[in-house]
Protein backbone atom coordinates (compact mmCIF):
# COMPACT_ATOMS: atom_id res chain seq x y z
CA MET A 1 10.34 -11.99 106.44
CA GLU A 2 9.40 -14.62 109.20
CA GLN A 3 10.97 -14.28 112.49
CA GLU A 4 13.32 -17.36 113.23
CA ARG A 5 12.08 -20.01 115.43
CA PRO A 6 13.53 -20.39 118.89
CA TYR A 7 15.47 -24.12 118.93
CA VAL A 8 14.08 -26.40 121.31
CA MET A 9 15.67 -29.88 122.02
CA SER A 10 14.04 -33.36 122.74
CA PHE A 11 16.13 -36.36 124.57
CA ALA A 12 14.31 -39.37 124.32
CA GLY A 13 13.44 -42.89 122.84
CA LEU A 14 12.37 -43.51 119.54
CA ASP A 15 9.11 -45.08 119.51
CA PRO A 16 8.45 -46.45 116.11
CA SER A 17 4.64 -46.35 116.54
CA GLY A 18 5.28 -42.20 116.50
CA GLY A 19 3.05 -42.15 119.80
CA ALA A 20 5.63 -41.25 122.31
CA GLY A 21 9.49 -40.25 122.69
CA LEU A 22 11.32 -38.27 120.34
CA LEU A 23 8.82 -38.68 117.36
CA ALA A 24 5.93 -37.22 119.15
CA ASP A 25 8.21 -34.62 120.74
CA ILE A 26 8.80 -33.35 117.20
CA LYS A 27 5.41 -33.49 116.08
CA THR A 28 4.60 -31.38 119.00
CA PHE A 29 7.38 -29.04 118.49
CA GLU A 30 6.44 -28.31 114.92
CA GLN A 31 2.85 -27.34 116.00
CA HIS A 32 4.22 -24.84 118.08
CA LYS A 33 6.27 -23.40 115.47
CA VAL A 34 9.69 -23.97 117.24
CA TYR A 35 12.04 -25.75 115.68
CA GLY A 36 12.79 -29.12 117.26
CA LEU A 37 15.98 -31.04 117.50
CA GLY A 38 16.18 -34.74 118.75
CA VAL A 39 18.45 -36.94 119.97
CA CYS A 40 18.07 -40.58 120.53
CA THR A 41 18.30 -42.15 124.23
CA ALA A 42 17.15 -45.38 123.56
CA ILE A 43 16.00 -47.60 120.56
CA THR A 44 12.66 -49.50 121.59
CA VAL A 45 10.46 -52.21 120.33
CA GLN A 46 6.83 -51.30 120.95
CA THR A 47 3.43 -50.45 119.43
CA ALA A 48 0.68 -48.25 120.75
CA GLN A 49 -0.49 -51.19 122.84
CA ASP A 50 2.70 -52.92 123.79
CA PHE A 51 5.83 -52.14 125.14
CA ILE A 52 8.47 -55.00 124.12
CA SER A 53 12.15 -53.81 124.89
CA ALA A 54 14.37 -50.99 124.85
CA ASP A 55 18.00 -50.82 124.20
CA TRP A 56 19.68 -48.20 125.78
CA LEU A 57 22.27 -45.93 124.42
CA PRO A 58 25.20 -45.18 126.36
CA VAL A 59 25.48 -42.13 127.76
CA THR A 60 28.65 -41.35 125.68
CA GLN A 61 26.67 -41.80 122.32
CA ILE A 62 24.05 -39.33 123.57
CA LEU A 63 26.28 -36.79 124.66
CA ALA A 64 27.88 -37.19 121.08
CA GLN A 65 24.75 -36.63 119.28
CA ALA A 66 24.02 -33.55 121.67
CA ARG A 67 27.38 -31.76 121.69
CA PRO A 68 27.51 -30.36 118.23
CA LEU A 69 23.75 -29.34 118.17
CA LEU A 70 24.41 -27.42 121.70
CA ALA A 71 27.44 -25.82 119.86
CA ALA A 72 25.72 -24.67 116.75
CA HIS A 73 22.33 -23.34 117.85
CA LYS A 74 21.28 -21.38 120.66
CA ILE A 75 18.72 -23.71 122.74
CA SER A 76 16.06 -22.07 124.47
CA ALA A 77 14.56 -24.92 126.13
CA CYS A 78 14.98 -28.68 126.40
CA LYS A 79 12.91 -31.90 127.20
CA ILE A 80 14.36 -35.21 128.62
CA GLY A 81 12.29 -38.42 128.57
CA ILE A 82 13.45 -42.03 128.91
CA MET A 83 17.15 -42.35 130.27
CA SER A 84 18.82 -45.69 131.43
CA ASP A 85 19.31 -44.57 135.06
CA VAL A 86 19.59 -41.38 137.25
CA HIS A 87 23.21 -41.52 137.13
CA ALA A 88 23.01 -40.99 133.08
CA LEU A 89 20.57 -38.38 133.57
CA LEU A 90 22.83 -36.32 136.06
CA GLU A 91 25.83 -36.62 133.66
CA LEU A 92 23.63 -35.67 130.48
CA VAL A 93 22.19 -32.81 132.56
CA ARG A 94 25.61 -31.25 133.91
CA THR A 95 26.87 -31.21 130.29
CA ILE A 96 23.72 -29.35 129.06
CA ARG A 97 24.47 -26.99 131.85
CA GLN A 98 28.21 -26.76 131.19
CA LEU A 99 27.57 -26.04 127.27
CA SER A 100 24.29 -23.98 127.33
CA PRO A 101 23.77 -22.86 130.84
CA GLU A 102 20.76 -20.65 129.68
CA THR A 103 18.87 -23.58 128.53
CA SER A 104 15.58 -24.56 130.44
CA ILE A 105 15.74 -27.89 131.48
CA ILE A 106 12.33 -30.04 131.81
CA LEU A 107 12.58 -33.53 132.91
CA ASP A 108 9.62 -35.89 132.48
CA PRO A 109 10.88 -38.77 134.63
CA VAL A 110 9.31 -41.75 132.78
CA LEU A 111 9.68 -44.57 135.19
CA LYS A 112 6.95 -46.73 133.80
CA ALA A 113 5.51 -47.00 130.17
CA SER A 114 1.78 -46.76 129.73
CA ALA A 115 1.89 -50.48 128.10
CA GLY A 116 3.27 -51.67 131.52
CA PHE A 117 7.17 -51.77 131.00
CA THR A 118 9.20 -50.60 133.97
CA PHE A 119 12.24 -49.00 133.09
CA HIS A 120 14.17 -48.07 136.41
CA GLY A 121 14.38 -50.86 139.58
CA SER A 122 15.15 -49.09 142.72
CA ILE A 123 14.69 -45.40 143.26
CA GLN A 124 17.82 -43.44 144.97
CA GLN A 125 16.03 -40.65 146.49
CA GLN A 126 19.77 -38.93 147.19
CA SER A 127 20.74 -38.93 143.56
CA TRP A 128 17.19 -37.57 142.37
CA GLN A 129 17.49 -34.87 144.74
CA GLU A 130 20.91 -34.13 143.33
CA LEU A 131 19.51 -34.23 139.80
CA LEU A 132 16.60 -32.04 140.54
CA SER A 133 18.72 -29.46 141.90
CA GLU A 134 20.19 -29.10 138.09
CA ILE A 135 17.00 -28.72 136.36
CA ASP A 136 14.04 -26.34 136.19
CA LEU A 137 10.78 -28.32 135.95
CA LEU A 138 9.96 -31.91 136.78
CA THR A 139 6.55 -33.34 135.36
CA PRO A 140 5.68 -36.84 137.17
CA ASN A 141 2.41 -38.34 137.62
CA TYR A 142 1.01 -39.35 141.18
CA ASP A 143 2.84 -42.59 141.18
CA GLU A 144 6.48 -41.02 139.82
CA ALA A 145 6.15 -38.21 142.40
CA SER A 146 5.72 -40.63 145.19
CA LEU A 147 8.43 -43.11 143.88
CA ILE A 148 10.86 -40.66 143.59
CA SER A 149 10.12 -38.38 146.88
CA GLY A 150 9.59 -41.70 148.81
CA TYR A 151 6.24 -40.33 149.96
CA SER A 152 3.13 -42.83 149.61
CA ASN A 153 1.14 -39.80 148.97
CA GLY A 154 2.09 -38.24 145.53
CA ASP A 155 0.79 -34.87 146.37
CA ALA A 156 3.36 -34.69 149.42
CA GLY A 157 5.65 -36.18 147.35
CA ALA A 158 5.39 -33.63 144.74
CA HIS A 159 5.39 -30.48 147.29
CA SER A 160 8.29 -32.05 148.98
CA LEU A 161 10.20 -32.24 145.34
CA SER A 162 9.58 -28.71 144.65
CA ASP A 163 12.23 -27.62 147.32
CA TYR A 164 14.53 -28.56 144.49
CA CYS A 165 12.73 -27.50 141.30
CA ALA A 166 9.36 -26.46 139.99
CA VAL A 167 7.09 -29.51 139.83
CA LEU A 168 4.13 -29.97 137.57
CA LEU A 169 1.98 -33.10 139.30
CA LYS A 170 0.12 -34.59 136.27
CA GLY A 171 -3.58 -35.56 137.10
CA GLY A 172 -3.90 -38.44 134.73
CA HIS A 173 -3.17 -40.97 137.43
CA HIS A 174 -4.43 -39.02 140.32
CA THR A 175 -7.06 -41.15 142.34
CA SER A 176 -9.17 -38.27 143.70
CA ARG A 177 -8.49 -35.57 141.37
CA PRO A 178 -8.44 -36.91 137.92
CA GLY A 179 -7.45 -34.64 135.14
CA VAL A 180 -6.34 -31.85 137.39
CA ASP A 181 -2.71 -30.99 137.10
CA THR A 182 -1.28 -28.90 139.92
CA LEU A 183 1.86 -26.53 139.50
CA TYR A 184 4.24 -26.37 142.91
CA ALA A 185 6.60 -23.20 142.06
CA SER A 186 8.31 -20.48 143.80
CA GLY A 187 6.61 -21.49 146.99
CA GLN A 188 2.95 -21.38 145.45
CA ILE A 189 0.57 -23.97 144.16
CA GLN A 190 -1.54 -23.40 141.34
CA CYS A 191 -4.43 -26.00 139.93
CA PHE A 192 -5.26 -26.41 136.27
CA GLU A 193 -8.44 -28.12 135.81
CA PRO A 194 -9.36 -30.25 132.80
CA CYS A 195 -10.46 -27.72 129.74
CA THR A 196 -12.62 -30.42 128.21
CA GLU A 197 -14.47 -33.47 128.85
CA THR A 198 -13.90 -35.70 125.78
CA VAL A 199 -10.32 -37.18 125.99
CA PHE A 200 -9.62 -40.80 125.60
CA PRO A 201 -6.28 -42.74 126.71
CA LYS A 202 -3.60 -42.10 124.73
CA HIS A 203 -0.16 -43.52 124.45
CA GLY A 204 2.62 -41.01 125.19
CA SER A 205 0.25 -38.12 126.41
CA GLY A 206 3.13 -37.18 128.97
CA CYS A 207 5.77 -37.03 126.50
CA VAL A 208 3.24 -34.60 124.50
CA LEU A 209 2.61 -32.56 127.60
CA SER A 210 6.44 -32.11 128.61
CA ALA A 211 7.11 -31.29 124.94
CA ALA A 212 4.52 -28.62 124.67
CA ILE A 213 5.82 -26.99 127.81
CA THR A 214 9.12 -27.12 126.44
CA ALA A 215 7.93 -25.32 123.45
CA CYS A 216 5.73 -22.65 124.91
CA LEU A 217 8.73 -21.91 127.44
CA ALA A 218 10.80 -21.43 124.54
CA LEU A 219 8.40 -19.07 123.14
CA GLU A 220 8.73 -17.02 126.38
CA GLN A 221 5.60 -17.81 127.99
CA SER A 222 5.81 -17.76 131.74
CA LEU A 223 5.93 -21.45 133.63
CA PRO A 224 2.28 -21.30 134.66
CA GLU A 225 0.90 -19.67 131.42
CA ALA A 226 3.15 -22.64 129.60
CA CYS A 227 1.71 -25.45 131.86
CA TYR A 228 -1.81 -24.47 131.14
CA ASN A 229 -1.18 -24.00 127.35
CA ALA A 230 0.72 -27.36 127.14
CA LYS A 231 -2.53 -29.10 129.04
CA ALA A 232 -4.90 -27.83 126.78
CA TYR A 233 -2.75 -28.66 123.69
CA THR A 234 -2.50 -32.15 124.95
CA GLU A 235 -6.28 -32.23 125.64
CA LYS A 236 -6.67 -31.89 122.20
CA VAL A 237 -4.58 -34.63 121.21
CA LEU A 238 -6.10 -36.80 123.69
CA GLY A 239 -9.91 -35.76 122.26
CA SER A 240 -8.71 -36.03 118.73
CA HIS A 241 -9.35 -39.95 118.28
CA SER A 242 -10.80 -42.80 120.30
CA SER A 243 -7.71 -44.90 119.64
CA LEU A 244 -4.45 -45.20 121.72
CA THR A 245 -2.76 -42.92 119.22
CA GLY A 246 -3.70 -39.20 118.74
CA TYR A 247 -3.45 -36.31 116.10
CA HIS A 248 -1.55 -33.29 116.75
CA HIS A 249 -3.00 -29.71 116.00
CA LEU A 250 -3.26 -26.44 117.51
């Protein structure tokens, strides 16, 4: 009899193109043989090429979706994607902590869609610091680390944010070290070089990476191991097709 799969959860927007958000996360979970639960945080109008609009669900509706699932299942890890603002994020994270204190929380701080749509206006550093103290891992790109921390340098920003939680600085937008991800955790810095050179730009690659980390942590991998394996998985998606949408496979 096959062992029961660990449960994981995604809080993310519904992307009708399937390349990002909730649908991409569920695809990633299934490939990793974990059982994925999904809570919708926004209804988006988009294709792989263009982000047109987002209708944000109130945090009350998001929590209404989440509470029965958190009560019914032991959630090993969860990933949070787009939310309307940092205050809604904080309310969601605190509710998860209250109802499922053992759940690992991974936050992919999507501040701008790859198609150019900006989700948040001004960044409130104090509110973000309060939020980061409640989660386990933040996965920003270079620009997001800079905006959230207030540092002009994304590397320095990510390092400073690691005072509050572990930070995986994604290398896709890095100007001097493209493709190199850097993990800041427990006072140590670990770099992950690209596993392949054959990759193409993809809509939703950050969603796939954070969802893969979530799955790997649920499978009881260490944080560095989870980040490395998730990067390798994401690069397979990036290399699977030359278009902006990729194919999922281990």
